[in-house]
């Protein structure tokens, strides 16, 4: 399944700005204050890196939606 959306969900925990997501997928994530998804990020090209960032996030606040 292809990733159609990547977002920050702080409903249970907060982003701790550790930069792990940006280190893992620098073309998709930036952490100016909290994690943000870069505009026009290519989810198809960076699928594996996005999934790795989701799995390795220490607070599990990075979420994806698939189609």
N, C-alpha and C. Protein backbone atom coordinates (compact mmCIF):
# COMPACT_ATOMS: atom_id res chain seq x y z
N UNK A 1 0.84 -1.18 0.00
CA UNK A 1 0.00 0.00 0.00
C UNK A 1 0.89 1.26 0.00
N UNK A 2 0.45 2.24 -0.71
CA UNK A 2 1.22 3.47 -0.84
C UNK A 2 0.85 4.47 0.26
N UNK A 3 1.84 5.18 0.73
CA UNK A 3 1.60 6.22 1.73
C UNK A 3 0.97 7.42 1.04
N UNK A 4 -0.16 7.90 1.56
CA UNK A 4 -0.79 9.07 0.97
C UNK A 4 -0.72 10.29 1.89
N UNK A 5 -0.45 10.06 3.19
CA UNK A 5 -0.37 11.18 4.13
C UNK A 5 0.59 10.81 5.25
N UNK A 6 1.38 11.79 5.68
CA UNK A 6 2.28 11.65 6.83
C UNK A 6 2.00 12.85 7.72
N UNK A 7 1.81 12.60 9.03
CA UNK A 7 1.46 13.71 9.90
C UNK A 7 1.92 13.46 11.34
N UNK A 8 1.87 14.53 12.13
CA UNK A 8 2.23 14.50 13.54
C UNK A 8 0.96 14.37 14.36
N UNK A 9 0.87 13.33 15.18
CA UNK A 9 -0.29 13.11 16.04
C UNK A 9 0.17 13.18 17.49
N UNK A 10 -0.12 14.29 18.14
CA UNK A 10 0.28 14.47 19.53
C UNK A 10 -0.89 14.28 20.49
N UNK A 11 -1.86 13.49 20.10
CA UNK A 11 -3.03 13.29 20.95
C UNK A 11 -2.70 12.49 22.22
N UNK A 12 -1.67 11.65 22.17
CA UNK A 12 -1.30 10.87 23.35
C UNK A 12 0.06 11.26 23.91
N UNK A 13 1.02 11.55 23.05
CA UNK A 13 2.36 11.97 23.46
C UNK A 13 2.78 13.15 22.60
N UNK A 14 3.86 13.83 23.02
CA UNK A 14 4.35 14.98 22.27
C UNK A 14 5.68 14.68 21.61
N UNK A 15 5.89 15.36 20.49
CA UNK A 15 7.18 15.28 19.81
C UNK A 15 8.24 15.86 20.74
N UNK A 16 9.36 15.16 20.87
CA UNK A 16 10.44 15.63 21.75
C UNK A 16 11.58 16.28 20.96
N UNK A 17 11.36 16.50 19.67
CA UNK A 17 12.32 17.18 18.81
C UNK A 17 13.70 16.52 18.83
N UNK A 18 13.72 15.22 18.77
CA UNK A 18 14.99 14.48 18.84
C UNK A 18 15.74 14.45 17.51
N UNK A 19 15.09 14.83 16.41
CA UNK A 19 15.67 14.87 15.07
C UNK A 19 15.88 13.49 14.44
N UNK A 20 15.45 12.43 15.09
CA UNK A 20 15.64 11.09 14.53
C UNK A 20 14.92 10.95 13.18
N UNK A 21 13.72 11.51 13.07
CA UNK A 21 12.99 11.42 11.81
C UNK A 21 13.72 12.16 10.69
N UNK A 22 14.23 13.35 10.99
CA UNK A 22 14.97 14.12 9.99
C UNK A 22 16.28 13.44 9.62
N UNK A 23 16.92 12.80 10.57
CA UNK A 23 18.14 12.06 10.28
C UNK A 23 17.85 10.85 9.40
N UNK A 24 16.70 10.24 9.60
CA UNK A 24 16.31 9.04 8.86
C UNK A 24 15.79 9.37 7.46
N UNK A 25 14.98 10.42 7.35
CA UNK A 25 14.36 10.79 6.07
C UNK A 25 14.42 12.31 5.90
N UNK A 26 15.59 12.81 5.62
CA UNK A 26 15.80 14.26 5.54
C UNK A 26 15.05 14.93 4.40
N UNK A 27 14.66 14.17 3.38
CA UNK A 27 13.89 14.74 2.28
C UNK A 27 12.42 14.91 2.64
N UNK A 28 11.99 14.30 3.75
CA UNK A 28 10.58 14.33 4.13
C UNK A 28 10.35 15.15 5.40
N UNK A 29 11.23 15.01 6.39
CA UNK A 29 11.02 15.63 7.69
C UNK A 29 12.01 16.74 7.99
N UNK A 30 11.53 17.72 8.75
CA UNK A 30 12.37 18.76 9.34
C UNK A 30 11.90 18.95 10.77
N UNK A 31 12.77 19.45 11.62
CA UNK A 31 12.41 19.65 13.03
C UNK A 31 12.84 21.06 13.46
N UNK A 32 12.12 22.08 13.00
CA UNK A 32 12.47 23.44 13.43
C UNK A 32 12.14 23.66 14.90
N UNK A 33 11.00 23.17 15.34
CA UNK A 33 10.57 23.20 16.74
C UNK A 33 10.04 21.82 17.09
N UNK A 34 9.10 21.37 16.29
CA UNK A 34 8.58 20.01 16.34
C UNK A 34 8.64 19.46 14.93
N UNK A 35 8.43 18.18 14.80
CA UNK A 35 8.48 17.56 13.48
C UNK A 35 7.47 18.18 12.54
N UNK A 36 7.92 18.45 11.32
CA UNK A 36 7.03 18.88 10.25
C UNK A 36 7.37 18.06 9.01
N UNK A 37 6.36 17.87 8.19
CA UNK A 37 6.56 17.21 6.91
C UNK A 37 6.84 18.32 5.90
N UNK A 38 7.92 18.16 5.15
CA UNK A 38 8.29 19.17 4.17
C UNK A 38 7.24 19.24 3.06
N UNK A 39 6.94 20.46 2.61
CA UNK A 39 5.99 20.58 1.50
C UNK A 39 6.51 19.84 0.27
N UNK A 40 5.64 19.20 -0.43
CA UNK A 40 5.96 18.50 -1.67
C UNK A 40 6.91 17.32 -1.47
N UNK A 41 6.95 16.76 -0.26
CA UNK A 41 7.78 15.58 -0.02
C UNK A 41 7.26 14.42 -0.87
N UNK A 42 8.17 13.67 -1.43
CA UNK A 42 7.83 12.53 -2.29
C UNK A 42 7.70 11.28 -1.43
N UNK A 43 6.45 10.92 -1.11
CA UNK A 43 6.21 9.77 -0.25
C UNK A 43 6.56 8.46 -0.94
N UNK A 44 6.39 8.38 -2.24
CA UNK A 44 6.70 7.15 -2.97
C UNK A 44 8.20 6.91 -2.97
N UNK A 45 8.95 7.91 -3.33
CA UNK A 45 10.41 7.79 -3.40
C UNK A 45 11.02 7.48 -2.04
N UNK A 46 10.44 8.02 -0.97
CA UNK A 46 11.00 7.91 0.37
C UNK A 46 10.21 6.96 1.27
N UNK A 47 9.46 6.05 0.68
CA UNK A 47 8.60 5.13 1.43
C UNK A 47 9.35 4.39 2.54
N UNK A 48 10.46 3.77 2.21
CA UNK A 48 11.20 2.97 3.20
C UNK A 48 11.72 3.84 4.34
N UNK A 49 12.22 5.02 4.01
CA UNK A 49 12.75 5.92 5.04
C UNK A 49 11.64 6.44 5.95
N UNK A 50 10.48 6.73 5.37
CA UNK A 50 9.33 7.18 6.17
C UNK A 50 8.91 6.09 7.15
N UNK A 51 8.79 4.87 6.65
CA UNK A 51 8.38 3.76 7.52
C UNK A 51 9.40 3.51 8.62
N UNK A 52 10.68 3.67 8.31
CA UNK A 52 11.72 3.52 9.33
C UNK A 52 11.60 4.62 10.38
N UNK A 53 11.32 5.85 9.96
CA UNK A 53 11.15 6.96 10.90
C UNK A 53 9.94 6.72 11.81
N UNK A 54 8.85 6.24 11.22
CA UNK A 54 7.64 5.93 12.02
C UNK A 54 7.97 4.88 13.06
N UNK A 55 8.64 3.81 12.65
CA UNK A 55 8.95 2.70 13.55
C UNK A 55 9.96 3.09 14.63
N UNK A 56 10.86 4.01 14.33
CA UNK A 56 11.91 4.36 15.29
C UNK A 56 11.61 5.58 16.14
N UNK A 57 10.51 6.27 15.88
CA UNK A 57 10.16 7.45 16.67
C UNK A 57 9.96 7.06 18.14
N UNK A 58 10.73 7.67 19.05
CA UNK A 58 10.64 7.25 20.46
C UNK A 58 9.30 7.56 21.12
N UNK A 59 8.57 8.54 20.60
CA UNK A 59 7.26 8.85 21.20
C UNK A 59 6.10 8.38 20.33
N UNK A 60 6.41 7.77 19.17
CA UNK A 60 5.41 7.21 18.27
C UNK A 60 4.34 8.23 17.85
N UNK A 61 4.78 9.46 17.56
CA UNK A 61 3.84 10.51 17.16
C UNK A 61 3.77 10.73 15.65
N UNK A 62 4.61 10.04 14.90
CA UNK A 62 4.56 10.15 13.45
C UNK A 62 3.59 9.09 12.95
N UNK A 63 2.59 9.53 12.21
CA UNK A 63 1.56 8.63 11.70
C UNK A 63 1.51 8.71 10.19
N UNK A 64 1.06 7.63 9.57
CA UNK A 64 0.86 7.61 8.13
C UNK A 64 -0.53 7.09 7.82
N UNK A 65 -1.05 7.53 6.66
CA UNK A 65 -2.27 6.98 6.09
C UNK A 65 -1.90 6.39 4.75
N UNK A 66 -2.46 5.23 4.47
CA UNK A 66 -2.17 4.54 3.22
C UNK A 66 -3.44 4.36 2.41
N UNK A 67 -3.26 4.21 1.09
CA UNK A 67 -4.43 3.93 0.26
C UNK A 67 -4.36 2.55 -0.32
